[in-house]
Amino acid sequence: MLLYSLLLVIAIHIKTAVNLEIYKGVILTMTDTIKKRKENTTLFNQISKLRNLLYTSLIIVLFSGTSCLKVSNNKINSTPHKLKENNNTIEFSGYTWHVKNSNGLIGPGPNYFSNNKKNAWVDTNGYLHLTIIKSNKTWQCAEVICKKPVGYGTYTFIIAAPKKKLDPNVVFGLFTWDSATYKKEANSEIDIEFSQWTDPTAPNLHYSVQPTCGTDDKSGIYKERTKAISTKYKNSSSIHEFTWTPNKVSFSSVWENKEHNHSNYIAKWHFNKSNLLRRSSCGAQLSEPIGIPSPGTNTEVRINLWLVDGNHDKKPDPPCDEQEVIIKNFIYKPLK
C-alpha cells in the first residue's frame, strides 16, 4: 500500500509540473539505491517494481503532456484580441479615456451621465460610440475625457457617417476643457459643436472660442466669438479640426472622401488675437478679460453627447428617440 501511495504522489507531481528533469532524477536515484542495497531482498524488489512503473508512466506523461501542450498553445493562439475596456475607462485612438458617470443631474445640461457600456464603447474597428438612451425612465447621456493633458496644437476628429440627423435637443461636442482655469482662461475651452439648440430651423454646426457669453455685451452673448453654419445631412464621414495657437484659432470641416475637391468643403473660420477681450459670466463669478484662452497644465480634450435644457426648468429636454454618434478617430498634434 505504501508503495502505491508513494507512486501516486510522484506521478501527480510529475503530471502537474511536467518536469522531465525531476522524473529522470527520481529514476536514477532509485537505480543507484538498488545497486547499493541488494542485500535487502524485500526493499530491492519493491524499489525495482517502482522503478519499472515509473519508466512506464514516463512514456505516458511524454505523450499526454505533449498533447496537452499543443492544445494549450492552440487556445492561446486562437484567442481574439480583446479591447481594453471597463466601466470607467476605454482605449480609443491610442489614448485612455475616462467615461463620465453621475448619480444625479450635472453639467452640461444638466444631465444624467452614464458609464454603462451601452452609452460609451469602442467597437472591433476601433471606433468610439456615444449614445443617449433611456434607462429607468431617465435619459442617460455620454461623455469621455482623455486622460493625457493637451495644449496648443491641432485637434482632428473623424466622424462616421450619421445614421440619422441629430435630434434638435441634442448636442454633440468636441472640445478642450480645464476645470482649474476658469478665472484666467475661461476653462481653456475651444469648441466644435453639432446642435440646433432645440430649434429645428437653426444652424447645426458651431465653432466657438470661449468665453461666448457674459455681461460685457447687453445681449449677454459675444457673437464675434462663435461661428454658426447650416450643413445639409449627408451619408458621408466628415473631418473636423481646429488648430489652437497663442495668436489664432483656426477651424475647418470637410467631407471625407477619396476625391479632394471643392465639394468636400463644409466650413472654415478663423478667430485671431485682434478681437475684443471678453469676460465670462458662466461661472459663479466674472472671469478676467480674455482674448484667446491659454491651455492649463491639466487641460483635457473631451467628447460628449448630451441634451439641452431649452425651457430652463433645470431638466434636460428629451429627444424623440435614442441617439448615437460614431467617432472613427481622434488625432492630436502638439504645436512645435
C-alpha atoms as a PDB file:
ATOM      1  CA  MET A   1       0.000   0.000   0.000  1.00  0.00           C
ATOM      2  CA  LEU A   2       2.836   2.330   0.898  1.00  0.00           C
ATOM      3  CA  LEU A   3       4.456   1.548  -2.446  1.00  0.00           C
ATOM      4  CA  TYR A   4       1.428   2.596  -4.477  1.00  0.00           C
ATOM      5  CA  SER A   5       0.824   5.712  -2.357  1.00  0.00           C
ATOM      6  CA  LEU A   6       4.375   6.836  -2.997  1.00  0.00           C
ATOM      7  CA  LEU A   7       3.948   6.143  -6.712  1.00  0.00           C
ATOM      8  CA  LEU A   8       0.717   8.172  -6.816  1.00  0.00           C
ATOM      9  CA  VAL A   9       2.291  11.217  -5.133  1.00  0.00           C
ATOM     10  CA  ILE A  10       5.261  11.184  -7.513  1.00  0.00           C
ATOM     11  CA  ALA A  11       3.062  10.695 -10.576  1.00  0.00           C
ATOM     12  CA  ILE A  12       0.754  13.590  -9.601  1.00  0.00           C
ATOM     13  CA  HIS A  13       3.727  15.861  -9.041  1.00  0.00           C
ATOM     14  CA  ILE A  14       5.212  14.990 -12.416  1.00  0.00           C
ATOM     15  CA  LYS A  15       1.892  15.250 -14.258  1.00  0.00           C
ATOM     16  CA  THR A  16       1.249  18.671 -12.777  1.00  0.00           C
ATOM     17  CA  ALA A  17       4.677  20.144 -13.311  1.00  0.00           C
ATOM     18  CA  VAL A  18       5.540  18.185 -16.460  1.00  0.00           C
ATOM     19  CA  ASN A  19       9.111  18.376 -15.260  1.00  0.00           C
ATOM     20  CA  LEU A  20      11.052  15.631 -17.023  1.00  0.00           C
ATOM     21  CA  GLU A  21      14.319  16.504 -15.282  1.00  0.00           C
ATOM     22  CA  ILE A  22      12.770  15.664 -11.878  1.00  0.00           C
ATOM     23  CA  TYR A  23      11.399  12.438 -13.364  1.00  0.00           C
ATOM     24  CA  LYS A  24      14.822  11.459 -14.652  1.00  0.00           C
ATOM     25  CA  GLY A  25      16.449  12.255 -11.323  1.00  0.00           C
ATOM     26  CA  VAL A  26      13.981  10.085  -9.410  1.00  0.00           C
ATOM     27  CA  ILE A  27      14.643   7.086 -11.664  1.00  0.00           C
ATOM     28  CA  LEU A  28      18.466   7.449 -11.488  1.00  0.00           C
ATOM     29  CA  THR A  29      18.352   7.768  -7.700  1.00  0.00           C
ATOM     30  CA  MET A  30      16.254   4.618  -7.405  1.00  0.00           C
ATOM     31  CA  THR A  31      18.626   2.701  -9.687  1.00  0.00           C
ATOM     32  CA  ASP A  32      21.574   3.734  -7.531  1.00  0.00           C
ATOM     33  CA  THR A  33      19.697   2.659  -4.422  1.00  0.00           C
ATOM     34  CA  ILE A  34      19.032  -0.764  -5.961  1.00  0.00           C
ATOM     35  CA  LYS A  35      22.764  -1.278  -6.586  1.00  0.00           C
ATOM     36  CA  LYS A  36      23.704  -0.310  -3.040  1.00  0.00           C
ATOM     37  CA  ARG A  37      21.001  -2.325  -1.234  1.00  0.00           C
ATOM     38  CA  LYS A  38      20.890  -5.701  -2.944  1.00  0.00           C
ATOM     39  CA  GLU A  39      21.411  -7.320   0.448  1.00  0.00           C
ATOM     40  CA  ASN A  40      17.899  -6.279   1.478  1.00  0.00           C
ATOM     41  CA  THR A  41      15.794  -8.514  -0.778  1.00  0.00           C
ATOM     42  CA  THR A  42      12.369  -7.083   0.160  1.00  0.00           C
ATOM     43  CA  LEU A  43      13.438  -3.475  -0.300  1.00  0.00           C
ATOM     44  CA  PHE A  44      15.235  -4.455  -3.525  1.00  0.00           C
ATOM     45  CA  ASN A  45      12.090  -5.979  -5.007  1.00  0.00           C
ATOM     46  CA  GLN A  46       9.859  -3.043  -4.024  1.00  0.00           C
ATOM     47  CA  ILE A  47      12.186  -0.419  -5.460  1.00  0.00           C
ATOM     48  CA  SER A  48      12.678  -2.415  -8.655  1.00  0.00           C
ATOM     49  CA  LYS A  49       8.928  -2.602  -9.209  1.00  0.00           C
ATOM     50  CA  LEU A  50       8.535   1.115  -8.505  1.00  0.00           C
ATOM     51  CA  ARG A  51      11.311   1.959 -10.971  1.00  0.00           C
ATOM     52  CA  ASN A  52       9.689  -0.125 -13.706  1.00  0.00           C
ATOM     53  CA  LEU A  53       6.321   1.546 -13.105  1.00  0.00           C
ATOM     54  CA  LEU A  54       7.919   4.959 -13.279  1.00  0.00           C
ATOM     55  CA  TYR A  55       9.517   4.102 -16.641  1.00  0.00           C
ATOM     56  CA  THR A  56       6.074   3.140 -17.922  1.00  0.00           C
ATOM     57  CA  SER A  57       4.400   6.284 -16.589  1.00  0.00           C
ATOM     58  CA  LEU A  58       7.238   8.403 -18.058  1.00  0.00           C
ATOM     59  CA  ILE A  59       6.245   7.256 -21.536  1.00  0.00           C
ATOM     60  CA  ILE A  60       2.586   8.101 -20.806  1.00  0.00           C
ATOM     61  CA  VAL A  61       3.498  11.552 -19.491  1.00  0.00           C
ATOM     62  CA  LEU A  62       5.674  12.278 -22.519  1.00  0.00           C
ATOM     63  CA  PHE A  63       2.844  11.546 -24.935  1.00  0.00           C
ATOM     64  CA  SER A  64      -0.047  13.017 -22.936  1.00  0.00           C
ATOM     65  CA  GLY A  65       1.992  16.030 -21.815  1.00  0.00           C
ATOM     66  CA  THR A  66       2.966  16.870 -25.384  1.00  0.00           C
ATOM     67  CA  SER A  67      -0.661  16.604 -26.425  1.00  0.00           C
ATOM     68  CA  CYS A  68      -1.780  18.893 -23.614  1.00  0.00           C
ATOM     69  CA  LEU A  69       0.824  21.483 -24.523  1.00  0.00           C
ATOM     70  CA  LYS A  70      -0.345  21.524 -28.116  1.00  0.00           C
ATOM     71  CA  VAL A  71      -3.958  22.088 -27.069  1.00  0.00           C
ATOM     72  CA  SER A  72      -2.924  24.875 -24.731  1.00  0.00           C
ATOM     73  CA  ASN A  73      -0.940  26.617 -27.474  1.00  0.00           C
ATOM     74  CA  ASN A  74      -3.876  26.357 -29.839  1.00  0.00           C
ATOM     75  CA  LYS A  75      -6.106  28.058 -27.281  1.00  0.00           C
ATOM     76  CA  ILE A  76      -3.652  30.893 -26.775  1.00  0.00           C
ATOM     77  CA  ASN A  77      -3.160  31.492 -30.478  1.00  0.00           C
ATOM     78  CA  SER A  78      -6.874  31.415 -31.247  1.00  0.00           C
ATOM     79  CA  THR A  79      -7.914  33.841 -28.506  1.00  0.00           C
ATOM     80  CA  PRO A  80      -9.311  37.000 -30.200  1.00  0.00           C
ATOM     81  CA  HIS A  81      -7.879  40.422 -29.377  1.00  0.00           C
ATOM     82  CA  LYS A  82      -9.841  41.996 -26.550  1.00  0.00           C
ATOM     83  CA  LEU A  83     -10.294  45.745 -26.328  1.00  0.00           C
ATOM     84  CA  LYS A  84      -9.072  47.226 -23.065  1.00  0.00           C
ATOM     85  CA  GLU A  85     -12.357  48.426 -21.715  1.00  0.00           C
ATOM     86  CA  ASN A  86     -14.194  48.643 -18.410  1.00  0.00           C
ATOM     87  CA  ASN A  87     -16.940  50.794 -16.974  1.00  0.00           C
ATOM     88  CA  ASN A  88     -14.556  53.599 -16.000  1.00  0.00           C
ATOM     89  CA  THR A  89     -12.129  53.821 -18.938  1.00  0.00           C
ATOM     90  CA  ILE A  90     -11.882  52.924 -22.604  1.00  0.00           C
ATOM     91  CA  GLU A  91      -8.991  52.839 -25.073  1.00  0.00           C
ATOM     92  CA  PHE A  92      -9.578  54.902 -28.213  1.00  0.00           C
ATOM     93  CA  SER A  93      -7.172  56.256 -30.864  1.00  0.00           C
ATOM     94  CA  GLY A  94      -4.140  55.364 -28.746  1.00  0.00           C
ATOM     95  CA  TYR A  95      -5.360  57.207 -25.646  1.00  0.00           C
ATOM     96  CA  THR A  96      -7.048  56.201 -22.410  1.00  0.00           C
ATOM     97  CA  TRP A  97     -10.367  57.965 -21.826  1.00  0.00           C
ATOM     98  CA  HIS A  98     -12.323  58.293 -18.594  1.00  0.00           C
ATOM     99  CA  VAL A  99     -16.066  57.650 -19.008  1.00  0.00           C
ATOM    100  CA  LYS A 100     -18.133  60.211 -17.119  1.00  0.00           C
ATOM    101  CA  ASN A 101     -20.708  58.912 -14.632  1.00  0.00           C
ATOM    102  CA  SER A 102     -23.160  60.656 -12.302  1.00  0.00           C
ATOM    103  CA  ASN A 103     -25.838  59.669  -9.826  1.00  0.00           C
ATOM    104  CA  GLY A 104     -27.706  62.944 -10.300  1.00  0.00           C
ATOM    105  CA  LEU A 105     -28.089  65.816 -12.750  1.00  0.00           C
ATOM    106  CA  ILE A 106     -24.785  67.542 -13.580  1.00  0.00           C
ATOM    107  CA  GLY A 107     -23.444  69.766 -16.347  1.00  0.00           C
ATOM    108  CA  PRO A 108     -23.562  70.210 -19.174  1.00  0.00           C
ATOM    109  CA  GLY A 109     -27.298  70.386 -19.468  1.00  0.00           C
ATOM    110  CA  PRO A 110     -27.758  69.402 -16.657  1.00  0.00           C
ATOM    111  CA  ASN A 111     -27.985  65.695 -17.487  1.00  0.00           C
ATOM    112  CA  TYR A 112     -27.549  62.222 -16.153  1.00  0.00           C
ATOM    113  CA  PHE A 113     -24.274  60.774 -17.448  1.00  0.00           C
ATOM    114  CA  SER A 114     -23.639  57.037 -17.517  1.00  0.00           C
ATOM    115  CA  ASN A 115     -20.568  54.834 -17.889  1.00  0.00           C
ATOM    116  CA  ASN A 116     -22.767  51.949 -18.958  1.00  0.00           C
ATOM    117  CA  LYS A 117     -21.258  50.124 -21.942  1.00  0.00           C
ATOM    118  CA  LYS A 118     -24.442  50.881 -23.856  1.00  0.00           C
ATOM    119  CA  ASN A 119     -23.611  54.600 -23.564  1.00  0.00           C
ATOM    120  CA  ALA A 120     -19.901  54.549 -24.433  1.00  0.00           C
ATOM    121  CA  TRP A 121     -17.898  51.778 -26.049  1.00  0.00           C
ATOM    122  CA  VAL A 122     -15.268  51.002 -28.709  1.00  0.00           C
ATOM    123  CA  ASP A 123     -16.144  48.501 -31.438  1.00  0.00           C
ATOM    124  CA  THR A 124     -13.879  45.974 -33.197  1.00  0.00           C
ATOM    125  CA  ASN A 125     -12.941  48.603 -35.802  1.00  0.00           C
ATOM    126  CA  GLY A 126     -11.615  50.846 -33.040  1.00  0.00           C
ATOM    127  CA  TYR A 127     -14.484  53.348 -33.452  1.00  0.00           C
ATOM    128  CA  LEU A 128     -15.906  55.158 -30.435  1.00  0.00           C
ATOM    129  CA  HIS A 129     -19.692  55.028 -29.967  1.00  0.00           C
ATOM    130  CA  LEU A 130     -21.563  57.506 -27.760  1.00  0.00           C
ATOM    131  CA  THR A 131     -25.297  57.214 -27.186  1.00  0.00           C
ATOM    132  CA  ILE A 132     -28.215  58.785 -25.380  1.00  0.00           C
ATOM    133  CA  ILE A 133     -30.544  56.034 -24.200  1.00  0.00           C
ATOM    134  CA  LYS A 134     -33.458  55.810 -21.812  1.00  0.00           C
ATOM    135  CA  SER A 135     -32.866  53.790 -18.647  1.00  0.00           C
ATOM    136  CA  ASN A 136     -35.130  53.627 -15.601  1.00  0.00           C
ATOM    137  CA  LYS A 137     -37.330  56.389 -17.041  1.00  0.00           C
ATOM    138  CA  THR A 138     -34.394  58.814 -17.405  1.00  0.00           C
ATOM    139  CA  TRP A 139     -32.327  59.752 -20.441  1.00  0.00           C
ATOM    140  CA  GLN A 140     -28.673  58.800 -19.938  1.00  0.00           C
ATOM    141  CA  CYS A 141     -26.013  60.839 -21.780  1.00  0.00           C
ATOM    142  CA  ALA A 142     -22.359  60.120 -22.536  1.00  0.00           C
ATOM    143  CA  GLU A 143     -19.019  61.909 -22.181  1.00  0.00           C
ATOM    144  CA  VAL A 144     -15.431  60.687 -22.429  1.00  0.00           C
ATOM    145  CA  ILE A 145     -12.376  62.586 -21.177  1.00  0.00           C
ATOM    146  CA  CYS A 146      -8.853  61.975 -22.472  1.00  0.00           C
ATOM    147  CA  LYS A 147      -6.524  61.307 -19.547  1.00  0.00           C
ATOM    148  CA  LYS A 148      -3.471  62.766 -21.296  1.00  0.00           C
ATOM    149  CA  PRO A 149      -3.110  66.567 -20.860  1.00  0.00           C
ATOM    150  CA  VAL A 150      -3.159  68.606 -24.077  1.00  0.00           C
ATOM    151  CA  GLY A 151      -2.317  72.173 -25.094  1.00  0.00           C
ATOM    152  CA  TYR A 152      -1.637  74.246 -28.196  1.00  0.00           C
ATOM    153  CA  GLY A 153      -1.775  72.206 -31.378  1.00  0.00           C
ATOM    154  CA  THR A 154      -4.090  70.671 -33.960  1.00  0.00           C
ATOM    155  CA  TYR A 155      -7.085  68.564 -32.940  1.00  0.00           C
ATOM    156  CA  THR A 156      -8.639  66.352 -35.616  1.00  0.00           C
ATOM    157  CA  PHE A 157     -11.860  64.381 -35.213  1.00  0.00           C
ATOM    158  CA  ILE A 158     -13.052  61.967 -37.922  1.00  0.00           C
ATOM    159  CA  ILE A 159     -16.778  61.341 -37.594  1.00  0.00           C
ATOM    160  CA  ALA A 160     -18.530  58.372 -39.205  1.00  0.00           C
ATOM    161  CA  ALA A 161     -21.484  58.916 -41.495  1.00  0.00           C
ATOM    162  CA  PRO A 162     -24.515  59.597 -39.279  1.00  0.00           C
ATOM    163  CA  LYS A 163     -27.269  57.001 -39.250  1.00  0.00           C
ATOM    164  CA  LYS A 164     -29.797  59.840 -38.990  1.00  0.00           C
ATOM    165  CA  LYS A 165     -29.984  63.545 -38.196  1.00  0.00           C
ATOM    166  CA  LEU A 166     -29.423  64.516 -34.587  1.00  0.00           C
ATOM    167  CA  ASP A 167     -32.498  65.483 -32.622  1.00  0.00           C
ATOM    168  CA  PRO A 168     -32.746  69.315 -32.184  1.00  0.00           C
ATOM    169  CA  ASN A 169     -32.456  68.851 -28.404  1.00  0.00           C
ATOM    170  CA  VAL A 170     -29.098  67.051 -28.689  1.00  0.00           C
ATOM    171  CA  VAL A 171     -25.563  68.478 -28.517  1.00  0.00           C
ATOM    172  CA  PHE A 172     -22.569  66.574 -29.875  1.00  0.00           C
ATOM    173  CA  GLY A 173     -19.412  68.269 -28.579  1.00  0.00           C
ATOM    174  CA  LEU A 174     -15.701  68.073 -29.457  1.00  0.00           C
ATOM    175  CA  PHE A 175     -13.769  70.410 -27.179  1.00  0.00           C
ATOM    176  CA  THR A 176     -10.986  71.219 -24.728  1.00  0.00           C
ATOM    177  CA  TRP A 177     -11.589  71.886 -21.049  1.00  0.00           C
ATOM    178  CA  ASP A 178      -9.708  72.717 -17.845  1.00  0.00           C
ATOM    179  CA  SER A 179     -11.641  72.967 -14.594  1.00  0.00           C
ATOM    180  CA  ALA A 180      -8.803  74.910 -12.936  1.00  0.00           C
ATOM    181  CA  THR A 181      -8.533  77.808 -15.430  1.00  0.00           C
ATOM    182  CA  TYR A 182     -11.969  79.449 -15.382  1.00  0.00           C
ATOM    183  CA  LYS A 183     -10.861  82.703 -13.748  1.00  0.00           C
ATOM    184  CA  LYS A 184      -7.993  83.490 -16.145  1.00  0.00           C
ATOM    185  CA  GLU A 185      -8.741  81.396 -19.261  1.00  0.00           C
ATOM    186  CA  ALA A 186     -12.499  80.613 -19.311  1.00  0.00           C
ATOM    187  CA  ASN A 187     -11.696  76.922 -18.712  1.00  0.00           C
ATOM    188  CA  SER A 188      -9.296  76.918 -21.710  1.00  0.00           C
ATOM    189  CA  GLU A 189     -12.291  75.931 -23.824  1.00  0.00           C
ATOM    190  CA  ILE A 190     -12.299  75.645 -27.624  1.00  0.00           C
ATOM    191  CA  ASP A 191     -15.451  74.044 -29.120  1.00  0.00           C
ATOM    192  CA  ILE A 192     -16.782  72.293 -32.173  1.00  0.00           C
ATOM    193  CA  GLU A 193     -20.444  71.524 -31.505  1.00  0.00           C
ATOM    194  CA  PHE A 194     -23.229  69.953 -33.536  1.00  0.00           C
ATOM    195  CA  SER A 195     -26.616  71.161 -32.313  1.00  0.00           C
ATOM    196  CA  GLN A 196     -29.696  73.163 -33.207  1.00  0.00           C
ATOM    197  CA  TRP A 197     -30.248  74.115 -29.565  1.00  0.00           C
ATOM    198  CA  THR A 198     -33.922  72.938 -29.640  1.00  0.00           C
ATOM    199  CA  ASP A 199     -34.762  74.883 -32.858  1.00  0.00           C
ATOM    200  CA  PRO A 200     -35.165  72.562 -35.914  1.00  0.00           C
ATOM    201  CA  THR A 201     -34.602  75.527 -38.274  1.00  0.00           C
ATOM    202  CA  ALA A 202     -31.371  76.738 -36.651  1.00  0.00           C
ATOM    203  CA  PRO A 203     -27.772  76.152 -37.889  1.00  0.00           C
ATOM    204  CA  ASN A 204     -26.398  72.796 -36.774  1.00  0.00           C
ATOM    205  CA  LEU A 205     -22.598  73.300 -36.687  1.00  0.00           C
ATOM    206  CA  HIS A 206     -20.879  75.750 -34.327  1.00  0.00           C
ATOM    207  CA  TYR A 207     -17.261  76.839 -33.808  1.00  0.00           C
ATOM    208  CA  SER A 208     -16.536  78.712 -30.571  1.00  0.00           C
ATOM    209  CA  VAL A 209     -13.672  80.290 -28.662  1.00  0.00           C
ATOM    210  CA  GLN A 210     -14.679  80.832 -25.052  1.00  0.00           C
ATOM    211  CA  PRO A 211     -15.974  82.918 -23.455  1.00  0.00           C
ATOM    212  CA  THR A 212     -19.041  83.310 -25.667  1.00  0.00           C
ATOM    213  CA  CYS A 213     -21.391  84.745 -23.058  1.00  0.00           C
ATOM    214  CA  GLY A 214     -21.063  87.432 -20.408  1.00  0.00           C
ATOM    215  CA  THR A 215     -22.081  90.889 -19.238  1.00  0.00           C
ATOM    216  CA  ASP A 216     -19.649  92.831 -21.443  1.00  0.00           C
ATOM    217  CA  ASP A 217     -22.383  92.947 -24.109  1.00  0.00           C
ATOM    218  CA  LYS A 218     -26.002  93.992 -23.459  1.00  0.00           C
ATOM    219  CA  SER A 219     -27.273  90.891 -25.252  1.00  0.00           C
ATOM    220  CA  GLY A 220     -25.247  88.655 -22.952  1.00  0.00           C
ATOM    221  CA  ILE A 221     -23.728  86.949 -25.990  1.00  0.00           C
ATOM    222  CA  TYR A 222     -20.371  87.658 -27.673  1.00  0.00           C
ATOM    223  CA  LYS A 223     -21.335  86.970 -31.285  1.00  0.00           C
ATOM    224  CA  GLU A 224     -17.830  87.599 -32.622  1.00  0.00           C
ATOM    225  CA  ARG A 225     -16.519  84.608 -30.642  1.00  0.00           C
ATOM    226  CA  THR A 226     -18.677  81.985 -32.352  1.00  0.00           C
ATOM    227  CA  LYS A 227     -19.492  80.905 -35.900  1.00  0.00           C
ATOM    228  CA  ALA A 228     -22.764  79.120 -36.773  1.00  0.00           C
ATOM    229  CA  ILE A 229     -23.072  77.113 -40.016  1.00  0.00           C
ATOM    230  CA  SER A 230     -26.016  75.269 -41.568  1.00  0.00           C
ATOM    231  CA  THR A 231     -24.950  71.964 -43.087  1.00  0.00           C
ATOM    232  CA  LYS A 232     -27.053  69.514 -45.079  1.00  0.00           C
ATOM    233  CA  TYR A 233     -27.474  65.932 -43.952  1.00  0.00           C
ATOM    234  CA  LYS A 234     -25.142  63.693 -45.953  1.00  0.00           C
ATOM    235  CA  ASN A 235     -24.417  59.989 -45.725  1.00  0.00           C
ATOM    236  CA  SER A 236     -20.656  60.504 -45.533  1.00  0.00           C
ATOM    237  CA  SER A 237     -17.907  60.595 -42.934  1.00  0.00           C
ATOM    238  CA  SER A 238     -16.558  64.035 -42.094  1.00  0.00           C
ATOM    239  CA  ILE A 239     -13.352  65.537 -40.703  1.00  0.00           C
ATOM    240  CA  HIS A 240     -13.479  68.395 -38.217  1.00  0.00           C
ATOM    241  CA  GLU A 241     -10.452  70.088 -36.720  1.00  0.00           C
ATOM    242  CA  PHE A 242      -9.126  73.176 -35.032  1.00  0.00           C
ATOM    243  CA  THR A 243      -5.596  74.485 -34.629  1.00  0.00           C
ATOM    244  CA  TRP A 244      -5.015  76.354 -31.374  1.00  0.00           C
ATOM    245  CA  THR A 245      -2.082  78.779 -31.092  1.00  0.00           C
ATOM    246  CA  PRO A 246      -1.387  81.790 -28.842  1.00  0.00           C
ATOM    247  CA  ASN A 247      -2.354  84.182 -31.663  1.00  0.00           C
ATOM    248  CA  LYS A 248      -5.114  82.403 -33.561  1.00  0.00           C
ATOM    249  CA  VAL A 249      -7.617  79.557 -33.536  1.00  0.00           C
ATOM    250  CA  SER A 250      -8.480  78.108 -36.971  1.00  0.00           C
ATOM    251  CA  PHE A 251     -11.425  75.773 -37.594  1.00  0.00           C
ATOM    252  CA  SER A 252     -12.265  73.656 -40.637  1.00  0.00           C
ATOM    253  CA  SER A 253     -14.707  70.902 -41.630  1.00  0.00           C
ATOM    254  CA  VAL A 254     -14.717  68.759 -44.785  1.00  0.00           C
ATOM    255  CA  TRP A 255     -16.461  65.633 -46.027  1.00  0.00           C
ATOM    256  CA  GLU A 256     -14.187  62.614 -46.027  1.00  0.00           C
ATOM    257  CA  ASN A 257     -13.888  61.016 -49.480  1.00  0.00           C
ATOM    258  CA  LYS A 258     -11.172  59.963 -51.905  1.00  0.00           C
ATOM    259  CA  GLU A 259     -11.534  62.944 -54.220  1.00  0.00           C
ATOM    260  CA  HIS A 260     -10.026  66.124 -52.794  1.00  0.00           C
ATOM    261  CA  ASN A 261     -12.066  68.858 -54.424  1.00  0.00           C
ATOM    262  CA  HIS A 262     -14.256  71.814 -53.508  1.00  0.00           C
ATOM    263  CA  SER A 263     -17.290  69.577 -52.995  1.00  0.00           C
ATOM    264  CA  ASN A 264     -15.600  68.259 -49.833  1.00  0.00           C
ATOM    265  CA  TYR A 265     -15.759  71.673 -48.223  1.00  0.00           C
ATOM    266  CA  ILE A 266     -18.183  72.232 -45.324  1.00  0.00           C
ATOM    267  CA  ALA A 267     -16.923  75.273 -43.433  1.00  0.00           C
ATOM    268  CA  LYS A 268     -13.931  77.124 -42.010  1.00  0.00           C
ATOM    269  CA  TRP A 269     -13.389  80.023 -39.641  1.00  0.00           C
ATOM    270  CA  HIS A 270     -10.505  81.905 -38.027  1.00  0.00           C
ATOM    271  CA  PHE A 271     -10.503  83.724 -34.715  1.00  0.00           C
ATOM    272  CA  ASN A 272      -7.444  85.899 -34.043  1.00  0.00           C
ATOM    273  CA  LYS A 273      -5.975  87.956 -31.261  1.00  0.00           C
ATOM    274  CA  SER A 274      -7.320  91.260 -32.624  1.00  0.00           C
ATOM    275  CA  ASN A 275     -10.795  90.511 -31.216  1.00  0.00           C
ATOM    276  CA  LEU A 276     -12.021  92.268 -28.080  1.00  0.00           C
ATOM    277  CA  LEU A 277     -11.112  90.861 -24.686  1.00  0.00           C
ATOM    278  CA  ARG A 278     -14.214  89.452 -23.013  1.00  0.00           C
ATOM    279  CA  ARG A 279     -15.156  88.321 -19.513  1.00  0.00           C
ATOM    280  CA  SER A 280     -17.103  85.139 -18.890  1.00  0.00           C
ATOM    281  CA  SER A 281     -20.096  85.163 -16.557  1.00  0.00           C
ATOM    282  CA  CYS A 282     -20.857  81.477 -16.959  1.00  0.00           C
ATOM    283  CA  GLY A 283     -19.295  80.649 -13.611  1.00  0.00           C
ATOM    284  CA  ALA A 284     -20.129  81.816 -10.103  1.00  0.00           C
ATOM    285  CA  GLN A 285     -18.101  84.977 -10.735  1.00  0.00           C
ATOM    286  CA  LEU A 286     -16.780  87.004 -13.653  1.00  0.00           C
ATOM    287  CA  SER A 287     -13.568  85.836 -15.236  1.00  0.00           C
ATOM    288  CA  GLU A 288     -10.743  88.133 -16.187  1.00  0.00           C
ATOM    289  CA  PRO A 289     -10.848  89.683 -19.705  1.00  0.00           C
ATOM    290  CA  ILE A 290      -9.805  87.005 -22.200  1.00  0.00           C
ATOM    291  CA  GLY A 291      -8.778  87.089 -25.845  1.00  0.00           C
ATOM    292  CA  ILE A 292      -7.549  83.666 -26.920  1.00  0.00           C
ATOM    293  CA  PRO A 293      -7.592  81.380 -23.883  1.00  0.00           C
ATOM    294  CA  SER A 294      -4.367  79.610 -22.973  1.00  0.00           C
ATOM    295  CA  PRO A 295      -4.180  75.921 -22.017  1.00  0.00           C
ATOM    296  CA  GLY A 296      -3.539  74.995 -18.411  1.00  0.00           C
ATOM    297  CA  THR A 297      -1.318  72.252 -17.047  1.00  0.00           C
ATOM    298  CA  ASN A 298      -4.245  69.805 -16.926  1.00  0.00           C
ATOM    299  CA  THR A 299      -6.254  70.816 -19.991  1.00  0.00           C
ATOM    300  CA  GLU A 300      -8.194  67.880 -21.424  1.00  0.00           C
ATOM    301  CA  VAL A 301      -9.875  67.001 -24.695  1.00  0.00           C
ATOM    302  CA  ARG A 302     -13.450  65.795 -24.293  1.00  0.00           C
ATOM    303  CA  ILE A 303     -16.145  64.298 -26.490  1.00  0.00           C
ATOM    304  CA  ASN A 304     -19.762  64.276 -25.359  1.00  0.00           C
ATOM    305  CA  LEU A 305     -23.376  63.736 -26.374  1.00  0.00           C
ATOM    306  CA  TRP A 306     -25.982  65.442 -24.213  1.00  0.00           C
ATOM    307  CA  LEU A 307     -29.399  67.114 -24.008  1.00  0.00           C
ATOM    308  CA  VAL A 308     -30.235  70.827 -23.865  1.00  0.00           C
ATOM    309  CA  ASP A 309     -32.406  72.409 -21.191  1.00  0.00           C
ATOM    310  CA  GLY A 310     -34.286  74.629 -23.638  1.00  0.00           C
ATOM    311  CA  ASN A 311     -37.103  75.681 -21.327  1.00  0.00           C
ATOM    312  CA  HIS A 312     -34.723  76.389 -18.416  1.00  0.00           C
ATOM    313  CA  ASP A 313     -36.501  74.130 -15.931  1.00  0.00           C
ATOM    314  CA  LYS A 314     -33.163  72.610 -14.854  1.00  0.00           C
ATOM    315  CA  LYS A 315     -34.061  69.347 -16.578  1.00  0.00           C
ATOM    316  CA  PRO A 316     -32.896  68.041 -19.969  1.00  0.00           C
ATOM    317  CA  ASP A 317     -35.349  68.277 -22.854  1.00  0.00           C
ATOM    318  CA  PRO A 318     -35.963  64.704 -24.071  1.00  0.00           C
ATOM    319  CA  PRO A 319     -35.165  63.629 -27.645  1.00  0.00           C
ATOM    320  CA  CYS A 320     -37.732  61.958 -29.887  1.00  0.00           C
ATOM    321  CA  ASP A 321     -35.797  58.683 -29.662  1.00  0.00           C
ATOM    322  CA  GLU A 322     -32.384  57.228 -28.788  1.00  0.00           C
ATOM    323  CA  GLN A 323     -29.357  58.994 -30.290  1.00  0.00           C
ATOM    324  CA  GLU A 324     -25.928  57.772 -31.408  1.00  0.00           C
ATOM    325  CA  VAL A 325     -22.732  59.217 -32.857  1.00  0.00           C
ATOM    326  CA  ILE A 326     -19.639  57.316 -34.008  1.00  0.00           C
ATOM    327  CA  ILE A 327     -16.135  58.796 -33.912  1.00  0.00           C
ATOM    328  CA  LYS A 328     -13.724  56.911 -36.161  1.00  0.00           C
ATOM    329  CA  ASN A 329     -10.528  58.569 -34.990  1.00  0.00           C
ATOM    330  CA  PHE A 330      -9.003  61.365 -32.932  1.00  0.00           C
ATOM    331  CA  ILE A 331      -5.573  62.844 -33.690  1.00  0.00           C
ATOM    332  CA  TYR A 332      -3.709  65.405 -31.615  1.00  0.00           C
ATOM    333  CA  LYS A 333      -0.539  67.073 -32.909  1.00  0.00           C
ATOM    334  CA  PRO A 334       1.118  69.389 -30.370  1.00  0.00           C
ATOM    335  CA  LEU A 335       2.296  72.775 -31.595  1.00  0.00           C
ATOM    336  CA  LYS A 336       6.021  72.699 -32.324  1.00  0.00           C
END
